[in-house]
PDB file of N, CA and C in Angstrom:
ATOM      1  N   MET A   1      -3.953 -32.823  19.143  1.00  0.00           N
ATOM      2  CA  MET A   1      -2.824 -32.271  18.420  1.00  0.00           C
ATOM      3  C   MET A   1      -1.736 -31.878  19.416  1.00  0.00           C
ATOM      4  N   LYS A   2      -0.517 -32.283  19.146  1.00  0.00           N
ATOM      5  CA  LYS A   2       0.602 -31.968  20.009  1.00  0.00           C
ATOM      6  C   LYS A   2       0.986 -30.502  19.829  1.00  0.00           C
ATOM      7  N   ALA A   3       1.131 -29.798  20.920  1.00  0.00           N
ATOM      8  CA  ALA A   3       1.515 -28.392  20.872  1.00  0.00           C
ATOM      9  C   ALA A   3       3.033 -28.279  20.771  1.00  0.00           C
ATOM     10  N   ILE A   4       3.475 -27.385  19.935  1.00  0.00           N
ATOM     11  CA  ILE A   4       4.896 -27.113  19.754  1.00  0.00           C
ATOM     12  C   ILE A   4       5.206 -25.774  20.388  1.00  0.00           C
ATOM     13  N   GLN A   5       6.331 -25.692  21.077  1.00  0.00           N
ATOM     14  CA  GLN A   5       6.719 -24.449  21.719  1.00  0.00           C
ATOM     15  C   GLN A   5       7.778 -23.726  20.889  1.00  0.00           C
ATOM     16  N   TYR A   6       7.698 -22.406  20.921  1.00  0.00           N
ATOM     17  CA  TYR A   6       8.687 -21.560  20.263  1.00  0.00           C
ATOM     18  C   TYR A   6       9.268 -20.597  21.283  1.00  0.00           C
ATOM     19  N   THR A   7      10.505 -20.246  21.079  1.00  0.00           N
ATOM     20  CA  THR A   7      11.124 -19.147  21.805  1.00  0.00           C
ATOM     21  C   THR A   7      11.517 -18.127  20.756  1.00  0.00           C
ATOM     22  N   ILE A   8      10.987 -16.938  20.887  1.00  0.00           N
ATOM     23  CA  ILE A   8      11.256 -15.892  19.895  1.00  0.00           C
ATOM     24  C   ILE A   8      11.992 -14.758  20.596  1.00  0.00           C
ATOM     25  N   ARG A   9      13.098 -14.371  20.034  1.00  0.00           N
ATOM     26  CA  ARG A   9      13.921 -13.315  20.631  1.00  0.00           C
ATOM     27  C   ARG A   9      13.948 -12.089  19.725  1.00  0.00           C
ATOM     28  N   ASN A  10      14.400 -10.994  20.313  1.00  0.00           N
ATOM     29  CA  ASN A  10      14.625  -9.729  19.591  1.00  0.00           C
ATOM     30  C   ASN A  10      13.357  -9.197  18.923  1.00  0.00           C
ATOM     31  N   ILE A  11      12.246  -9.240  19.652  1.00  0.00           N
ATOM     32  CA  ILE A  11      10.994  -8.684  19.145  1.00  0.00           C
ATOM     33  C   ILE A  11      11.122  -7.164  19.157  1.00  0.00           C
ATOM     34  N   PRO A  12      10.915  -6.511  18.019  1.00  0.00           N
ATOM     35  CA  PRO A  12      10.986  -5.051  17.996  1.00  0.00           C
ATOM     36  C   PRO A  12       9.930  -4.433  18.917  1.00  0.00           C
ATOM     37  N   THR A  13      10.275  -3.340  19.553  1.00  0.00           N
ATOM     38  CA  THR A  13       9.396  -2.683  20.512  1.00  0.00           C
ATOM     39  C   THR A  13       8.011  -2.370  19.937  1.00  0.00           C
ATOM     40  N   PRO A  14       7.885  -1.858  18.705  1.00  0.00           N
ATOM     41  CA  PRO A  14       6.539  -1.572  18.188  1.00  0.00           C
ATOM     42  C   PRO A  14       5.669  -2.832  18.059  1.00  0.00           C
ATOM     43  N   ILE A  15       6.279  -3.953  17.721  1.00  0.00           N
ATOM     44  CA  ILE A  15       5.523  -5.204  17.615  1.00  0.00           C
ATOM     45  C   ILE A  15       5.091  -5.668  19.004  1.00  0.00           C
ATOM     46  N   ASP A  16       5.988  -5.554  19.968  1.00  0.00           N
ATOM     47  CA  ASP A  16       5.657  -5.915  21.341  1.00  0.00           C
ATOM     48  C   ASP A  16       4.486  -5.083  21.844  1.00  0.00           C
ATOM     49  N   ARG A  17       4.541  -3.775  21.620  1.00  0.00           N
ATOM     50  CA  ARG A  17       3.446  -2.892  22.053  1.00  0.00           C
ATOM     51  C   ARG A  17       2.135  -3.269  21.380  1.00  0.00           C
ATOM     52  N   TYR A  18       2.203  -3.526  20.079  1.00  0.00           N
ATOM     53  CA  TYR A  18       1.011  -3.897  19.315  1.00  0.00           C
ATOM     54  C   TYR A  18       0.368  -5.157  19.889  1.00  0.00           C
ATOM     55  N   LEU A  19       1.174  -6.198  20.097  1.00  0.00           N
ATOM     56  CA  LEU A  19       0.652  -7.471  20.591  1.00  0.00           C
ATOM     57  C   LEU A  19       0.101  -7.340  22.011  1.00  0.00           C
ATOM     58  N   ARG A  20       0.818  -6.629  22.854  1.00  0.00           N
ATOM     59  CA  ARG A  20       0.356  -6.452  24.235  1.00  0.00           C
ATOM     60  C   ARG A  20      -0.935  -5.633  24.288  1.00  0.00           C
ATOM     61  N   LYS A  21      -1.038  -4.628  23.439  1.00  0.00           N
ATOM     62  CA  LYS A  21      -2.252  -3.809  23.390  1.00  0.00           C
ATOM     63  C   LYS A  21      -3.440  -4.651  22.915  1.00  0.00           C
ATOM     64  N   ARG A  22      -3.205  -5.478  21.888  1.00  0.00           N
ATOM     65  CA  ARG A  22      -4.272  -6.370  21.402  1.00  0.00           C
ATOM     66  C   ARG A  22      -4.728  -7.305  22.512  1.00  0.00           C
ATOM     67  N   ALA A  23      -3.785  -7.855  23.270  1.00  0.00           N
ATOM     68  CA  ALA A  23      -4.125  -8.758  24.366  1.00  0.00           C
ATOM     69  C   ALA A  23      -4.941  -8.014  25.425  1.00  0.00           C
ATOM     70  N   GLN A  24      -4.495  -6.829  25.778  1.00  0.00           N
ATOM     71  CA  GLN A  24      -5.186  -6.048  26.796  1.00  0.00           C
ATOM     72  C   GLN A  24      -6.600  -5.697  26.351  1.00  0.00           C
ATOM     73  N   LEU A  25      -6.746  -5.215  25.135  1.00  0.00           N
ATOM     74  CA  LEU A  25      -8.050  -4.784  24.645  1.00  0.00           C
ATOM     75  C   LEU A  25      -9.017  -5.950  24.453  1.00  0.00           C
ATOM     76  N   SER A  26      -8.485  -7.110  24.105  1.00  0.00           N
ATOM     77  CA  SER A  26      -9.348  -8.265  23.839  1.00  0.00           C
ATOM     78  C   SER A  26      -9.605  -9.115  25.080  1.00  0.00           C
ATOM     79  N   GLY A  27      -8.819  -8.887  26.141  1.00  0.00           N
ATOM     80  CA  GLY A  27      -8.968  -9.707  27.341  1.00  0.00           C
ATOM     81  C   GLY A  27      -8.402 -11.104  27.183  1.00  0.00           C
ATOM     82  N   ARG A  28      -7.557 -11.291  26.161  1.00  0.00           N
ATOM     83  CA  ARG A  28      -6.927 -12.595  25.933  1.00  0.00           C
ATOM     84  C   ARG A  28      -5.478 -12.532  26.387  1.00  0.00           C
ATOM     85  N   SER A  29      -4.885 -13.691  26.560  1.00  0.00           N
ATOM     86  CA  SER A  29      -3.484 -13.735  26.956  1.00  0.00           C
ATOM     87  C   SER A  29      -2.606 -13.315  25.778  1.00  0.00           C
ATOM     88  N   LEU A  30      -1.407 -12.854  26.099  1.00  0.00           N
ATOM     89  CA  LEU A  30      -0.444 -12.495  25.062  1.00  0.00           C
ATOM     90  C   LEU A  30      -0.149 -13.708  24.188  1.00  0.00           C
ATOM     91  N   ASN A  31      -0.013 -14.867  24.796  1.00  0.00           N
ATOM     92  CA  ASN A  31       0.239 -16.102  24.051  1.00  0.00           C
ATOM     93  C   ASN A  31      -0.872 -16.360  23.030  1.00  0.00           C
ATOM     94  N   GLN A  32      -2.136 -16.210  23.457  1.00  0.00           N
ATOM     95  CA  GLN A  32      -3.257 -16.476  22.551  1.00  0.00           C
ATOM     96  C   GLN A  32      -3.311 -15.457  21.414  1.00  0.00           C
ATOM     97  N   VAL A  33      -3.014 -14.208  21.733  1.00  0.00           N
ATOM     98  CA  VAL A  33      -2.993 -13.172  20.696  1.00  0.00           C
ATOM     99  C   VAL A  33      -1.933 -13.494  19.654  1.00  0.00           C
ATOM    100  N   ILE A  34      -0.765 -13.913  20.099  1.00  0.00           N
ATOM    101  CA  ILE A  34       0.318 -14.246  19.166  1.00  0.00           C
ATOM    102  C   ILE A  34      -0.088 -15.447  18.307  1.00  0.00           C
ATOM    103  N   ILE A  35      -0.674 -16.465  18.918  1.00  0.00           N
ATOM    104  CA  ILE A  35      -1.134 -17.627  18.147  1.00  0.00           C
ATOM    105  C   ILE A  35      -2.186 -17.201  17.131  1.00  0.00           C
ATOM    106  N   ASP A  36      -3.126 -16.361  17.550  1.00  0.00           N
ATOM    107  CA  ASP A  36      -4.168 -15.879  16.638  1.00  0.00           C
ATOM    108  C   ASP A  36      -3.572 -15.096  15.475  1.00  0.00           C
ATOM    109  N   GLU A  37      -2.603 -14.220  15.768  1.00  0.00           N
ATOM    110  CA  GLU A  37      -1.952 -13.431  14.715  1.00  0.00           C
ATOM    111  C   GLU A  37      -1.216 -14.337  13.727  1.00  0.00           C
ATOM    112  N   LEU A  38      -0.486 -15.316  14.242  1.00  0.00           N
ATOM    113  CA  LEU A  38       0.229 -16.246  13.368  1.00  0.00           C
ATOM    114  C   LEU A  38      -0.744 -17.066  12.532  1.00  0.00           C
ATOM    115  N   SER A  39      -1.836 -17.516  13.147  1.00  0.00           N
ATOM    116  CA  SER A  39      -2.843 -18.293  12.420  1.00  0.00           C
ATOM    117  C   SER A  39      -3.474 -17.470  11.314  1.00  0.00           C
ATOM    118  N   HIS A  40      -3.784 -16.218  11.639  1.00  0.00           N
ATOM    119  CA  HIS A  40      -4.399 -15.340  10.638  1.00  0.00           C
ATOM    120  C   HIS A  40      -3.438 -15.090   9.475  1.00  0.00           C
ATOM    121  N   THR A  41      -2.195 -14.797   9.794  1.00  0.00           N
ATOM    122  CA  THR A  41      -1.198 -14.531   8.758  1.00  0.00           C
ATOM    123  C   THR A  41      -0.980 -15.755   7.878  1.00  0.00           C
ATOM    124  N   ALA A  42      -1.006 -16.924   8.492  1.00  0.00           N
ATOM    125  CA  ALA A  42      -0.821 -18.164   7.735  1.00  0.00           C
ATOM    126  C   ALA A  42      -2.083 -18.575   6.987  1.00  0.00           C
ATOM    127  N   GLY A  43      -3.198 -17.892   7.265  1.00  0.00           N
ATOM    128  CA  GLY A  43      -4.451 -18.200   6.585  1.00  0.00           C
ATOM    129  C   GLY A  43      -5.136 -19.449   7.090  1.00  0.00           C
ATOM    130  N   VAL A  44      -4.863 -19.808   8.335  1.00  0.00           N
ATOM    131  CA  VAL A  44      -5.474 -21.027   8.884  1.00  0.00           C
ATOM    132  C   VAL A  44      -6.417 -20.739  10.051  1.00  0.00           C
ATOM    133  N   ASP A  45      -6.755 -19.486  10.273  1.00  0.00           N
ATOM    134  CA  ASP A  45      -7.680 -19.184  11.358  1.00  0.00           C
ATOM    135  C   ASP A  45      -9.117 -19.436  10.936  1.00  0.00           C
ATOM    136  N   LYS A  46      -9.956 -19.737  11.892  1.00  0.00           N
ATOM    137  CA  LYS A  46     -11.355 -20.063  11.616  1.00  0.00           C
ATOM    138  C   LYS A  46     -12.148 -18.850  11.156  1.00  0.00           C
ATOM    139  N   ASP A  47     -11.739 -17.680  11.591  1.00  0.00           N
ATOM    140  CA  ASP A  47     -12.533 -16.482  11.339  1.00  0.00           C
ATOM    141  C   ASP A  47     -11.971 -15.602  10.226  1.00  0.00           C
ATOM    142  N   SER A  48     -11.162 -16.176   9.336  1.00  0.00           N
ATOM    143  CA  SER A  48     -10.602 -15.360   8.268  1.00  0.00           C
ATOM    144  C   SER A  48     -11.713 -14.843   7.366  1.00  0.00           C
ATOM    145  N   LEU A  49     -11.514 -13.686   6.798  1.00  0.00           N
ATOM    146  CA  LEU A  49     -12.521 -13.078   5.931  1.00  0.00           C
ATOM    147  C   LEU A  49     -12.840 -13.987   4.754  1.00  0.00           C
ATOM    148  N   LEU A  50     -11.831 -14.596   4.180  1.00  0.00           N
ATOM    149  CA  LEU A  50     -12.077 -15.471   3.040  1.00  0.00           C
ATOM    150  C   LEU A  50     -12.969 -16.635   3.437  1.00  0.00           C
ATOM    151  N   GLY A  51     -12.726 -17.211   4.603  1.00  0.00           N
ATOM    152  CA  GLY A  51     -13.552 -18.313   5.071  1.00  0.00           C
ATOM    153  C   GLY A  51     -14.968 -17.873   5.386  1.00  0.00           C
ATOM    154  N   SER A  52     -15.110 -16.663   5.913  1.00  0.00           N
ATOM    155  CA  SER A  52     -16.432 -16.192   6.292  1.00  0.00           C
ATOM    156  C   SER A  52     -17.290 -15.850   5.093  1.00  0.00           C
ATOM    157  N   LEU A  53     -16.709 -15.682   3.914  1.00  0.00           N
ATOM    158  CA  LEU A  53     -17.480 -15.367   2.713  1.00  0.00           C
ATOM    159  C   LEU A  53     -17.909 -16.607   1.942  1.00  0.00           C
ATOM    160  N   ASP A  54     -17.450 -17.788   2.347  1.00  0.00           N
ATOM    161  CA  ASP A  54     -17.794 -19.011   1.625  1.00  0.00           C
ATOM    162  C   ASP A  54     -19.303 -19.209   1.491  1.00  0.00           C
ATOM    163  N   TRP A  55     -20.046 -18.950   2.555  1.00  0.00           N
ATOM    164  CA  TRP A  55     -21.492 -19.149   2.503  1.00  0.00           C
ATOM    165  C   TRP A  55     -22.130 -18.238   1.454  1.00  0.00           C
ATOM    166  N   PHE A  56     -21.575 -17.041   1.298  1.00  0.00           N
ATOM    167  CA  PHE A  56     -22.138 -16.058   0.377  1.00  0.00           C
ATOM    168  C   PHE A  56     -21.793 -16.395  -1.070  1.00  0.00           C
ATOM    169  N   ILE A  57     -20.565 -16.786  -1.295  1.00  0.00           N
ATOM    170  CA  ILE A  57     -20.095 -17.058  -2.638  1.00  0.00           C
ATOM    171  C   ILE A  57     -20.574 -18.425  -3.115  1.00  0.00           C
ATOM    172  N   GLY A  58     -20.593 -19.378  -2.199  1.00  0.00           N
ATOM    173  CA  GLY A  58     -21.104 -20.696  -2.536  1.00  0.00           C
ATOM    174  C   GLY A  58     -20.056 -21.661  -3.050  1.00  0.00           C
ATOM    175  N   SER A  59     -19.092 -21.184  -3.766  1.00  0.00           N
ATOM    176  CA  SER A  59     -18.117 -22.081  -4.370  1.00  0.00           C
ATOM    177  C   SER A  59     -16.937 -22.368  -3.448  1.00  0.00           C
ATOM    178  N   GLY A  60     -16.755 -21.551  -2.446  1.00  0.00           N
ATOM    179  CA  GLY A  60     -15.620 -21.726  -1.552  1.00  0.00           C
ATOM    180  C   GLY A  60     -14.322 -21.181  -2.129  1.00  0.00           C
ATOM    181  N   THR A  61     -14.387 -20.545  -3.287  1.00  0.00           N
ATOM    182  CA  THR A  61     -13.198 -19.959  -3.881  1.00  0.00           C
ATOM    183  C   THR A  61     -13.467 -18.497  -4.218  1.00  0.00           C
ATOM    184  N   ILE A  62     -12.423 -17.724  -4.220  1.00  0.00           N
ATOM    185  CA  ILE A  62     -12.494 -16.302  -4.558  1.00  0.00           C
ATOM    186  C   ILE A  62     -11.438 -16.048  -5.622  1.00  0.00           C
ATOM    187  N   GLY A  63     -11.750 -15.189  -6.560  1.00  0.00           N
ATOM    188  CA  GLY A  63     -10.801 -14.866  -7.617  1.00  0.00           C
ATOM    189  C   GLY A  63      -9.549 -14.202  -7.074  1.00  0.00           C
ATOM    190  N   ASP A  64      -8.472 -14.323  -7.835  1.00  0.00           N
ATOM    191  CA  ASP A  64      -7.194 -13.748  -7.420  1.00  0.00           C
ATOM    192  C   ASP A  64      -7.280 -12.242  -7.219  1.00  0.00           C
ATOM    193  N   ASP A  65      -8.082 -11.547  -8.025  1.00  0.00           N
ATOM    194  CA  ASP A  65      -8.192 -10.096  -7.889  1.00  0.00           C
ATOM    195  C   ASP A  65      -8.842  -9.711  -6.563  1.00  0.00           C
ATOM    196  N   VAL A  66      -9.841 -10.476  -6.140  1.00  0.00           N
ATOM    197  CA  VAL A  66     -10.496 -10.208  -4.860  1.00  0.00           C
ATOM    198  C   VAL A  66      -9.549 -10.529  -3.713  1.00  0.00           C
ATOM    199  N   THR A  67      -8.862 -11.645  -3.808  1.00  0.00           N
ATOM    200  CA  THR A  67      -7.890 -12.019  -2.778  1.00  0.00           C
ATOM    201  C   THR A  67      -6.827 -10.940  -2.637  1.00  0.00           C
ATOM    202  N   GLN A  68      -6.307 -10.449  -3.747  1.00  0.00           N
ATOM    203  CA  GLN A  68      -5.284  -9.409  -3.704  1.00  0.00           C
ATOM    204  C   GLN A  68      -5.843  -8.135  -3.067  1.00  0.00           C
ATOM    205  N   ALA A  69      -7.060  -7.761  -3.412  1.00  0.00           N
ATOM    206  CA  ALA A  69      -7.673  -6.563  -2.834  1.00  0.00           C
ATOM    207  C   ALA A  69      -7.848  -6.714  -1.327  1.00  0.00           C
ATOM    208  N   LEU A  70      -8.270  -7.898  -0.885  1.00  0.00           N
ATOM    209  CA  LEU A  70      -8.439  -8.141   0.546  1.00  0.00           C
ATOM    210  C   LEU A  70      -7.101  -8.089   1.275  1.00  0.00           C
ATOM    211  N   GLU A  71      -6.066  -8.644   0.681  1.00  0.00           N
ATOM    212  CA  GLU A  71      -4.738  -8.608   1.293  1.00  0.00           C
ATOM    213  C   GLU A  71      -4.211  -7.185   1.367  1.00  0.00           C
ATOM    214  N   GLU A  72      -4.403  -6.406   0.316  1.00  0.00           N
ATOM    215  CA  GLU A  72      -3.957  -5.011   0.324  1.00  0.00           C
ATOM    216  C   GLU A  72      -4.712  -4.207   1.378  1.00  0.00           C
ATOM    217  N   ASP A  73      -6.012  -4.462   1.523  1.00  0.00           N
ATOM    218  CA  ASP A  73      -6.797  -3.781   2.540  1.00  0.00           C
ATOM    219  C   ASP A  73      -6.309  -4.154   3.934  1.00  0.00           C
ATOM    220  N   ASP A  74      -5.977  -5.413   4.151  1.00  0.00           N
ATOM    221  CA  ASP A  74      -5.459  -5.861   5.432  1.00  0.00           C
ATOM    222  C   ASP A  74      -4.170  -5.122   5.775  1.00  0.00           C
ATOM    223  N   ILE A  75      -3.281  -4.997   4.810  1.00  0.00           N
ATOM    224  CA  ILE A  75      -2.015  -4.290   5.013  1.00  0.00           C
ATOM    225  C   ILE A  75      -2.281  -2.827   5.350  1.00  0.00           C
ATOM    226  N   THR A  76      -3.189  -2.216   4.616  1.00  0.00           N
ATOM    227  CA  THR A  76      -3.519  -0.806   4.841  1.00  0.00           C
ATOM    228  C   THR A  76      -4.116  -0.607   6.228  1.00  0.00           C
ATOM    229  N   GLN A  77      -5.036  -1.476   6.626  1.00  0.00           N
ATOM    230  CA  GLN A  77      -5.661  -1.351   7.943  1.00  0.00           C
ATOM    231  C   GLN A  77      -4.625  -1.477   9.056  1.00  0.00           C
ATOM    232  N   LYS A  78      -3.708  -2.418   8.936  1.00  0.00           N
ATOM    233  CA  LYS A  78      -2.672  -2.582   9.955  1.00  0.00           C
ATOM    234  C   LYS A  78      -1.759  -1.367  10.004  1.00  0.00           C
ATOM    235  N   ARG A  79      -1.423  -0.801   8.846  1.00  0.00           N
ATOM    236  CA  ARG A  79      -0.587   0.406   8.805  1.00  0.00           C
ATOM    237  C   ARG A  79      -1.288   1.561   9.495  1.00  0.00           C
ATOM    238  N   LEU A  80      -2.577   1.724   9.228  1.00  0.00           N
ATOM    239  CA  LEU A  80      -3.336   2.813   9.837  1.00  0.00           C
ATOM    240  C   LEU A  80      -3.405   2.669  11.353  1.00  0.00           C
ATOM    241  N   VAL A  81      -3.570   1.447  11.831  1.00  0.00           N
ATOM    242  CA  VAL A  81      -3.609   1.218  13.278  1.00  0.00           C
ATOM    243  C   VAL A  81      -2.262   1.567  13.898  1.00  0.00           C
ATOM    244  N   ARG A  82      -1.178   1.131  13.262  1.00  0.00           N
ATOM    245  CA  ARG A  82       0.156   1.455  13.781  1.00  0.00           C
ATOM    246  C   ARG A  82       0.380   2.958  13.813  1.00  0.00           C
ATOM    247  N   GLU A  83      -0.012   3.668  12.772  1.00  0.00           N
ATOM    248  CA  GLU A  83       0.151   5.120  12.728  1.00  0.00           C
ATOM    249  C   GLU A  83      -0.669   5.799  13.822  1.00  0.00           C
ATOM    250  N   GLN A  84      -1.881   5.308  14.051  1.00  0.00           N
ATOM    251  CA  GLN A  84      -2.724   5.886  15.104  1.00  0.00           C
ATOM    252  C   GLN A  84      -2.099   5.671  16.466  1.00  0.00           C
ATOM    253  N   TRP A  85      -1.547   4.468  16.696  1.00  0.00           N
ATOM    254  CA  TRP A  85      -0.896   4.206  17.977  1.00  0.00           C
ATOM    255  C   TRP A  85       0.319   5.096  18.172  1.00  0.00           C
ATOM    256  N   LYS A  86       1.106   5.299  17.111  1.00  0.00           N
ATOM    257  CA  LYS A  86       2.267   6.192  17.205  1.00  0.00           C
ATOM    258  C   LYS A  86       1.806   7.603  17.533  1.00  0.00           C
ATOM    259  N   HIS A  87       0.752   8.038  16.882  1.00  0.00           N
ATOM    260  CA  HIS A  87       0.209   9.373  17.124  1.00  0.00           C
ATOM    261  C   HIS A  87      -0.261   9.499  18.568  1.00  0.00           C
ATOM    262  N   ASN A  88      -0.992   8.496  19.066  1.00  0.00           N
ATOM    263  CA  ASN A  88      -1.502   8.525  20.436  1.00  0.00           C
ATOM    264  C   ASN A  88      -0.348   8.484  21.454  1.00  0.00           C
ATOM    265  N   ALA A  89       0.689   7.717  21.149  1.00  0.00           N
ATOM    266  CA  ALA A  89       1.828   7.594  22.061  1.00  0.00           C
ATOM    267  C   ALA A  89       2.615   8.895  22.177  1.00  0.00           C
ATOM    268  N   SER A  90       2.600   9.685  21.114  1.00  0.00           N
ATOM    269  CA  SER A  90       3.383  10.934  21.127  1.00  0.00           C
ATOM    270  C   SER A  90       2.605  12.096  21.763  1.00  0.00           C
ATOM    271  N   HIS A  91       1.360  11.863  22.107  1.00  0.00           N
ATOM    272  CA  HIS A  91       0.566  12.938  22.723  1.00  0.00           C
ATOM    273  C   HIS A  91       0.242  12.670  24.140  1.00  0.00           C
TER     274      HIS A  91
END
């Protein structure tokens, strides 16, 4: 697969901190963390929660209500992490 390059400008400081912290904590490069985040958001990562439940559900599909609940939980978890980082940064 041919790799495509992007140049992204004007990254807000909180996003930069978040991505760099993820890279540092995971031992991965900033580039790989960004690719992983984009893949996850686009729903094409190998380790997505929906994909990991296929073996359990059997059908490979999940109802819209479950999908919505999982997406809302994802949003909540990310918000909580951001709030914790802000709290830690101010102390």
